[in-house]
Amino acid sequence: MPANLPPQYFEVEKRYREARTVSDKLRYLEEMMAIMPKHKGTDKLRADLRRRLAQLREMGATRKGPGRRAPVYLIEPEGVGQVALLGPPNTGKSSLLAALTKAQPLIAPYPYTTRLPLAGMMRYENVQVQLVDTPPVGEEYLEPWFPDLLRRADAWAVVLAPPEDPGLAWQRLCKNLARYYLCPEGNPPETPTSNLTVRPTLLILNQADLLPEPEDLALYLDVLPSNYPRLAVSALQGQGLAPLRAALFQILGMVRVYTRAPGKAANFKAPFVVPRRTTVLELAERIHHDLSRNFKFARVWGQKTFEGQRVTRDYPLQEGDVVEIHG
C-alpha cells in the first residue's frame, strides 16, 4: 500500500536531513510523525521513525552526575531573559518567532504543527531576548515537560488571533494553565494555592491584517483584559513588530543602564541589564565587590535626573541611566 505522504512531510524531512544538532533532528522527527497519516502503508516508515527517535533521545540525554540525564526538551536560557510564546492552535506563534528571530520553525496552515519547543534570539536595540515557541495550549492533556518549560521562562507572551473571539480564547487558556498551577500575573485563580507559578504576561493579537477596519481591530482588543499590555501585530505583513520587540523586552521587568569612568565616555554598546528598582549600590556590587565596599557617591545622567546629578547609594536606576560611581 502506498504511503501517500503530504507535501509538508517532505518539507520537514528535508530540514531533518540538513539538521546538524540532535535537538533539531529530534524536533523534525517529531513533526514528521505528527504529519504522517496513519494507515497500513505508513506502518514500516512509522516504525523506522520511532527507532530513530529512540536513538536520538539516547544521544541527546546528556549525563549530569551519576544516573542523571538532562531532558531533551530543556531550553537553556540565553540573552537578557526568556519569554515563552503560548496560545491556542493556529494563532501564528511560529510565524512570529520566524519574523522576530533567525529561527526557522515549521509553518503550516493546519493546527498543532509545533510539537516541540524551539528557541530563537530576538535583537532589541543593543540586547537580545530569547523567545521560545511552544506547542498550542488546547483542551487536551499537556506533555509533562510543557508546564515545567513555562515555569522556567521569565515571562509569557500569549498569542491570540481572529477569527476566534480573543476574550473567550484567553479565558480558556487561563483555565487550562490553572490545572497545572500556572497563572498570568494579575489574573489570580478562584481558589488560592501556595504552589502557584505566576509570570508577567503580554497579550498579542496576531494576524491583525485580517481586520483591516480600525473599529474591528479596536473591538478585538477591547475584549482582552485592560490590566495587561496589549498589541496588535501581523507577523505575515510585518505590522507592529518594532513596538512588539520593545514590549517583549519590557515585560521582563529589566532596565538597561550604562557606566562610565570619571572623565570618559559611556559605552552604549554593552549595557548592564538589571531588574527594575535596582539601586546604584547594587549595581556597584555587580561590577565588583570592592566598588560597592568603597562606595562614596555616584553621578547619574538620565531622564529623571539633571546632567551629572549626584545621587545616594539607594537611588533606583532607570532605563537608559548613565552611571559614574565614585569610591
Protein backbone atom coordinates (compact mmCIF):
# COMPACT_ATOMS: atom_id res chain seq x y z
CA MET A 1 0.00 0.00 0.00
CA PRO A 2 1.47 3.44 -0.93
CA ALA A 3 2.27 5.84 1.90
CA ASN A 4 0.60 8.88 0.24
CA LEU A 5 2.57 11.34 2.32
CA PRO A 6 1.51 15.03 2.20
CA PRO A 7 3.89 17.68 0.77
CA GLN A 8 4.51 19.10 4.26
CA TYR A 9 6.12 15.80 5.29
CA PHE A 10 8.82 16.07 2.63
CA GLU A 11 9.50 19.69 3.58
CA VAL A 12 10.18 18.65 7.19
CA GLU A 13 12.15 15.59 6.06
CA LYS A 14 14.45 17.88 4.08
CA ARG A 15 15.03 20.01 7.19
CA TYR A 16 15.70 16.83 9.19
CA ARG A 17 18.39 15.70 6.76
CA GLU A 18 20.02 19.17 6.84
CA ALA A 19 19.89 19.46 10.66
CA ARG A 20 23.22 19.28 12.44
CA THR A 21 22.22 19.06 16.09
CA VAL A 22 20.49 16.24 17.95
CA SER A 23 17.80 18.59 19.28
CA ASP A 24 16.93 19.82 15.77
CA LYS A 25 16.79 16.27 14.39
CA LEU A 26 14.53 15.22 17.26
CA ARG A 27 12.20 18.13 16.61
CA TYR A 28 11.89 17.38 12.91
CA LEU A 29 11.33 13.65 13.52
CA GLU A 30 8.51 14.51 15.95
CA GLU A 31 6.97 16.78 13.33
CA MET A 32 7.25 14.07 10.65
CA MET A 33 5.45 11.64 12.97
CA ALA A 34 2.71 14.20 13.60
CA ILE A 35 2.18 14.93 9.89
CA MET A 36 2.30 11.32 8.67
CA PRO A 37 -1.16 9.78 8.05
CA LYS A 38 -1.96 6.62 9.99
CA HIS A 39 -2.68 3.60 7.76
CA LYS A 40 -1.03 0.31 6.78
CA GLY A 41 1.04 1.98 4.09
CA THR A 42 2.96 4.01 6.66
CA ASP A 43 3.47 1.30 9.31
CA LYS A 44 7.06 0.46 8.32
CA LEU A 45 8.02 4.12 7.94
CA ARG A 46 6.48 4.95 11.32
CA ALA A 47 8.42 2.13 12.96
CA ASP A 48 11.64 3.40 11.38
CA LEU A 49 10.99 6.92 12.66
CA ARG A 50 10.32 5.58 16.15
CA ARG A 51 13.64 3.71 16.05
CA ARG A 52 15.47 6.87 15.01
CA LEU A 53 13.71 8.88 17.71
CA ALA A 54 14.78 6.38 20.38
CA GLN A 55 18.39 6.52 19.20
CA LEU A 56 18.48 10.32 19.13
CA ARG A 57 16.88 10.65 22.55
CA GLU A 58 19.56 8.37 23.93
CA MET A 59 22.20 10.57 22.32
CA GLY A 60 20.53 13.82 23.43
CA ALA A 61 20.14 12.86 27.07
CA THR A 62 23.36 14.32 28.45
CA ARG A 63 24.53 12.92 31.78
CA LYS A 64 24.81 15.37 34.67
CA GLY A 65 26.20 13.39 37.57
CA PRO A 66 25.70 9.69 38.25
CA GLY A 67 22.44 8.36 36.86
CA ARG A 68 21.07 11.80 35.92
CA ARG A 69 20.05 12.89 32.46
CA ALA A 70 19.09 16.34 31.20
CA PRO A 71 15.71 16.35 29.40
CA VAL A 72 15.94 16.91 25.67
CA TYR A 73 13.09 19.44 25.95
CA LEU A 74 15.05 21.74 28.26
CA ILE A 75 15.76 25.12 26.64
CA GLU A 76 18.85 26.62 28.23
CA PRO A 77 18.28 30.35 28.88
CA GLU A 78 20.25 32.85 26.82
CA GLY A 79 20.26 36.63 26.43
CA VAL A 80 18.79 39.02 28.99
CA GLY A 81 15.67 36.91 29.58
CA GLN A 82 13.44 34.15 28.23
CA VAL A 83 9.87 34.77 27.00
CA ALA A 84 7.64 31.79 26.17
CA LEU A 85 5.15 32.25 23.32
CA LEU A 86 1.96 30.38 24.11
CA GLY A 87 -1.62 30.29 22.91
CA PRO A 88 -4.33 28.28 21.14
CA PRO A 89 -3.74 26.49 17.81
CA ASN A 90 -3.40 28.47 14.57
CA THR A 91 -2.64 31.88 16.08
CA GLY A 92 0.72 32.25 14.32
CA LYS A 93 3.19 31.78 17.18
CA SER A 94 5.69 30.11 14.87
CA SER A 95 5.28 32.90 12.29
CA LEU A 96 6.03 35.46 14.98
CA LEU A 97 9.13 33.55 16.05
CA ALA A 98 10.35 33.48 12.44
CA ALA A 99 9.59 37.19 11.96
CA LEU A 100 11.38 38.28 15.14
CA THR A 101 14.37 35.91 15.15
CA LYS A 102 16.51 33.85 12.78
CA ALA A 103 14.80 30.62 13.85
CA GLN A 104 13.13 28.52 11.13
CA PRO A 105 10.09 26.79 12.64
CA LEU A 106 7.73 24.69 10.58
CA ILE A 107 4.85 26.95 9.48
CA ALA A 108 1.74 25.35 8.00
CA PRO A 109 -1.99 26.16 7.75
CA TYR A 110 -3.04 23.15 9.83
CA PRO A 111 -3.10 23.10 13.67
CA TYR A 112 -0.55 21.54 16.01
CA THR A 113 2.44 21.82 13.67
CA THR A 114 4.58 22.77 16.69
CA ARG A 115 5.26 19.65 18.76
CA LEU A 116 8.49 20.60 20.50
CA PRO A 117 9.76 23.92 21.85
CA LEU A 118 12.01 25.96 19.58
CA ALA A 119 14.10 28.93 20.72
CA GLY A 120 15.27 31.96 18.78
CA MET A 121 17.17 35.11 19.76
CA MET A 122 15.40 38.43 19.18
CA ARG A 123 17.55 41.53 18.97
CA TYR A 124 16.13 44.63 20.62
CA GLU A 125 18.49 47.53 20.00
CA ASN A 126 21.66 46.55 21.94
CA VAL A 127 20.37 43.47 23.81
CA GLN A 128 19.00 40.05 22.89
CA VAL A 129 15.87 38.38 24.28
CA GLN A 130 15.28 34.65 23.95
CA LEU A 131 11.85 33.70 22.56
CA VAL A 132 10.57 30.12 22.86
CA ASP A 133 7.83 28.85 20.57
CA THR A 134 5.71 26.22 22.33
CA PRO A 135 3.05 23.68 21.30
CA PRO A 136 -0.53 25.01 21.29
CA VAL A 137 -2.43 25.01 24.56
CA GLY A 138 -5.63 23.15 23.71
CA GLU A 139 -8.25 21.31 25.70
CA GLU A 140 -6.31 18.07 25.69
CA TYR A 141 -3.58 16.83 28.01
CA LEU A 142 -0.29 18.73 28.03
CA GLU A 143 3.02 16.92 27.81
CA PRO A 144 4.65 16.65 31.28
CA TRP A 145 7.60 18.82 30.23
CA PHE A 146 5.42 21.68 28.94
CA PRO A 147 4.34 23.18 32.31
CA ASP A 148 7.94 22.91 33.51
CA LEU A 149 9.11 24.86 30.45
CA LEU A 150 6.61 27.63 31.28
CA ARG A 151 7.80 27.72 34.89
CA ARG A 152 11.40 28.18 33.76
CA ALA A 153 10.52 31.13 31.49
CA ASP A 154 10.88 34.67 32.86
CA ALA A 155 7.70 35.91 31.16
CA TRP A 156 4.93 34.77 28.82
CA ALA A 157 3.56 36.25 25.62
CA VAL A 158 0.05 34.97 24.87
CA VAL A 159 -0.64 34.95 21.12
CA LEU A 160 -4.30 35.16 20.02
CA ALA A 161 -5.78 35.76 16.58
CA PRO A 162 -9.04 36.24 14.68
CA PRO A 163 -11.49 34.88 13.74
CA GLU A 164 -11.74 33.29 17.20
CA ASP A 165 -13.07 35.54 19.97
CA PRO A 166 -9.83 36.55 21.79
CA GLY A 167 -11.67 37.06 25.08
CA LEU A 168 -13.02 33.51 25.13
CA ALA A 169 -9.67 32.12 23.97
CA TRP A 170 -7.94 33.98 26.82
CA GLN A 171 -10.38 32.60 29.40
CA ARG A 172 -9.95 29.03 28.15
CA LEU A 173 -6.16 29.36 28.17
CA CYS A 174 -6.13 30.66 31.76
CA LYS A 175 -8.40 27.79 32.81
CA ASN A 176 -6.11 25.22 31.18
CA LEU A 177 -3.00 26.75 32.75
CA ALA A 178 -4.64 26.75 36.18
CA ARG A 179 -4.88 22.95 36.00
CA TYR A 180 -1.08 22.93 36.18
CA TYR A 181 -0.82 25.70 38.82
CA LEU A 182 0.26 28.28 36.27
CA CYS A 183 -1.15 31.79 36.25
CA PRO A 184 -0.58 35.01 34.29
CA GLU A 185 0.30 37.83 36.66
CA GLY A 186 -2.78 39.86 37.55
CA ASN A 187 -5.27 37.03 36.97
CA PRO A 188 -5.37 35.07 40.26
CA PRO A 189 -7.30 31.78 40.27
CA GLU A 190 -10.62 31.46 42.09
CA THR A 191 -9.08 29.01 44.54
CA PRO A 192 -5.82 30.34 46.02
CA THR A 193 -2.91 27.89 46.22
CA SER A 194 0.57 28.15 47.68
CA ASN A 195 2.41 26.42 44.82
CA LEU A 196 1.21 28.72 42.04
CA THR A 197 3.69 29.89 39.37
CA VAL A 198 2.92 33.45 38.27
CA ARG A 199 4.60 35.20 35.36
CA PRO A 200 4.31 38.71 33.84
CA THR A 201 2.31 38.41 30.64
CA LEU A 202 1.97 40.28 27.36
CA LEU A 203 -1.12 39.86 25.15
CA ILE A 204 -0.52 39.78 21.38
CA LEU A 205 -3.33 39.91 18.82
CA ASN A 206 -1.64 38.43 15.74
CA GLN A 207 -2.98 38.38 12.16
CA ALA A 208 -4.24 41.94 12.56
CA ASP A 209 -4.15 42.24 8.76
CA LEU A 210 -7.35 40.13 8.74
CA LEU A 211 -9.07 43.06 10.49
CA PRO A 212 -8.44 45.98 8.10
CA GLU A 213 -11.12 48.20 9.64
CA PRO A 214 -9.86 50.15 12.70
CA GLU A 215 -13.16 49.71 14.53
CA ASP A 216 -12.99 45.91 14.11
CA LEU A 217 -9.45 45.83 15.45
CA ALA A 218 -10.46 48.01 18.39
CA LEU A 219 -13.33 45.64 19.22
CA TYR A 220 -11.00 42.64 19.28
CA LEU A 221 -8.54 44.41 21.55
CA ASP A 222 -11.24 45.76 23.88
CA VAL A 223 -12.43 42.27 24.86
CA LEU A 224 -8.99 41.49 26.30
CA PRO A 225 -8.30 42.47 29.93
CA SER A 226 -7.02 46.03 30.15
CA ASN A 227 -4.58 45.33 33.01
CA TYR A 228 -2.19 43.69 30.53
CA PRO A 229 -0.11 45.31 27.79
CA ARG A 230 -1.91 44.54 24.50
CA LEU A 231 -0.53 44.84 20.99
CA ALA A 232 -1.99 44.16 17.56
CA VAL A 233 0.54 42.83 15.04
CA SER A 234 0.83 40.89 11.81
CA ALA A 235 3.76 38.52 11.50
CA LEU A 236 2.89 37.97 7.84
CA GLN A 237 2.84 41.67 6.92
CA GLY A 238 5.48 42.80 9.40
CA GLN A 239 2.96 45.12 11.04
CA GLY A 240 3.66 46.31 14.60
CA LEU A 241 6.88 44.32 15.05
CA ALA A 242 9.00 47.27 16.25
CA PRO A 243 6.76 48.08 19.25
CA LEU A 244 6.41 44.34 19.87
CA ARG A 245 10.18 43.98 20.24
CA ALA A 246 10.15 46.77 22.82
CA ALA A 247 7.20 45.22 24.68
CA LEU A 248 8.86 41.78 24.80
CA PHE A 249 11.89 43.36 26.46
CA GLN A 250 9.81 45.49 28.84
CA ILE A 251 7.71 42.54 30.04
CA LEU A 252 10.89 41.06 31.53
CA GLY A 253 10.96 43.86 34.11
CA MET A 254 14.53 44.82 33.30
CA VAL A 255 16.25 48.14 32.58
CA ARG A 256 19.44 48.94 30.69
CA VAL A 257 21.99 51.15 32.40
CA TYR A 258 25.41 52.28 31.23
CA THR A 259 28.57 53.00 33.17
CA ARG A 260 31.36 55.48 32.63
CA ALA A 261 34.65 56.17 34.32
CA PRO A 262 35.22 59.76 35.51
CA GLY A 263 36.22 61.91 32.55
CA LYS A 264 35.46 59.22 29.96
CA ALA A 265 32.54 58.48 27.64
CA ALA A 266 29.96 55.79 28.37
CA ASN A 267 29.91 52.52 26.41
CA PHE A 268 26.42 52.35 24.91
CA LYS A 269 27.07 49.05 23.13
CA ALA A 270 27.28 46.92 26.28
CA PRO A 271 24.69 47.89 28.90
CA PHE A 272 24.21 46.35 32.30
CA VAL A 273 20.74 44.80 32.26
CA VAL A 274 19.31 44.76 35.78
CA PRO A 275 15.88 44.30 37.37
CA ARG A 276 13.77 47.42 37.85
CA ARG A 277 14.33 49.14 41.20
CA THR A 278 17.97 48.01 41.33
CA THR A 279 19.92 50.63 43.31
CA VAL A 280 23.22 52.26 42.44
CA LEU A 281 24.89 50.35 45.29
CA GLU A 282 23.58 47.03 43.96
CA LEU A 283 24.96 47.92 40.52
CA ALA A 284 28.34 48.64 42.11
CA GLU A 285 28.25 45.20 43.74
CA ARG A 286 27.52 43.60 40.36
CA ILE A 287 30.53 45.35 38.84
CA HIS A 288 32.95 44.48 41.67
CA HIS A 289 32.58 43.95 45.39
CA ASP A 290 35.42 46.42 46.09
CA LEU A 291 33.48 49.12 44.25
CA SER A 292 30.46 48.64 46.49
CA ARG A 293 32.56 48.40 49.67
CA ASN A 294 34.35 51.70 48.90
CA PHE A 295 31.24 53.43 47.51
CA LYS A 296 31.01 57.16 48.31
CA PHE A 297 28.53 58.54 45.79
CA ALA A 298 27.51 58.34 42.15
CA ARG A 299 26.61 60.73 39.38
CA VAL A 300 23.78 59.93 37.01
CA TRP A 301 22.83 61.23 33.58
CA GLY A 302 19.22 60.19 32.91
CA GLN A 303 15.69 61.17 32.03
CA LYS A 304 14.75 61.66 35.70
CA THR A 305 17.90 63.48 36.75
CA PHE A 306 19.71 66.58 35.60
CA GLU A 307 23.08 66.17 33.88
CA GLY A 308 25.57 64.51 36.21
CA GLN A 309 23.28 64.71 39.25
CA ARG A 310 24.86 63.41 42.43
CA VAL A 311 22.80 60.56 43.92
CA THR A 312 22.96 58.41 47.02
CA ARG A 313 23.52 54.68 47.19
CA ASP A 314 19.79 53.90 47.31
CA TYR A 315 18.93 55.73 44.08
CA PRO A 316 16.75 53.35 41.95
CA LEU A 317 18.18 53.02 38.46
CA GLN A 318 16.00 53.93 35.47
CA GLU A 319 16.04 52.74 31.86
CA GLY A 320 18.87 54.43 29.97
CA ASP A 321 20.69 55.88 33.01
CA VAL A 322 24.41 56.57 32.64
CA VAL A 323 26.16 55.99 35.97
CA GLU A 324 29.54 57.21 37.20
CA ILE A 325 30.47 55.57 40.52
CA HIS A 326 32.97 57.20 42.88
CA GLY A 327 34.75 55.18 45.54
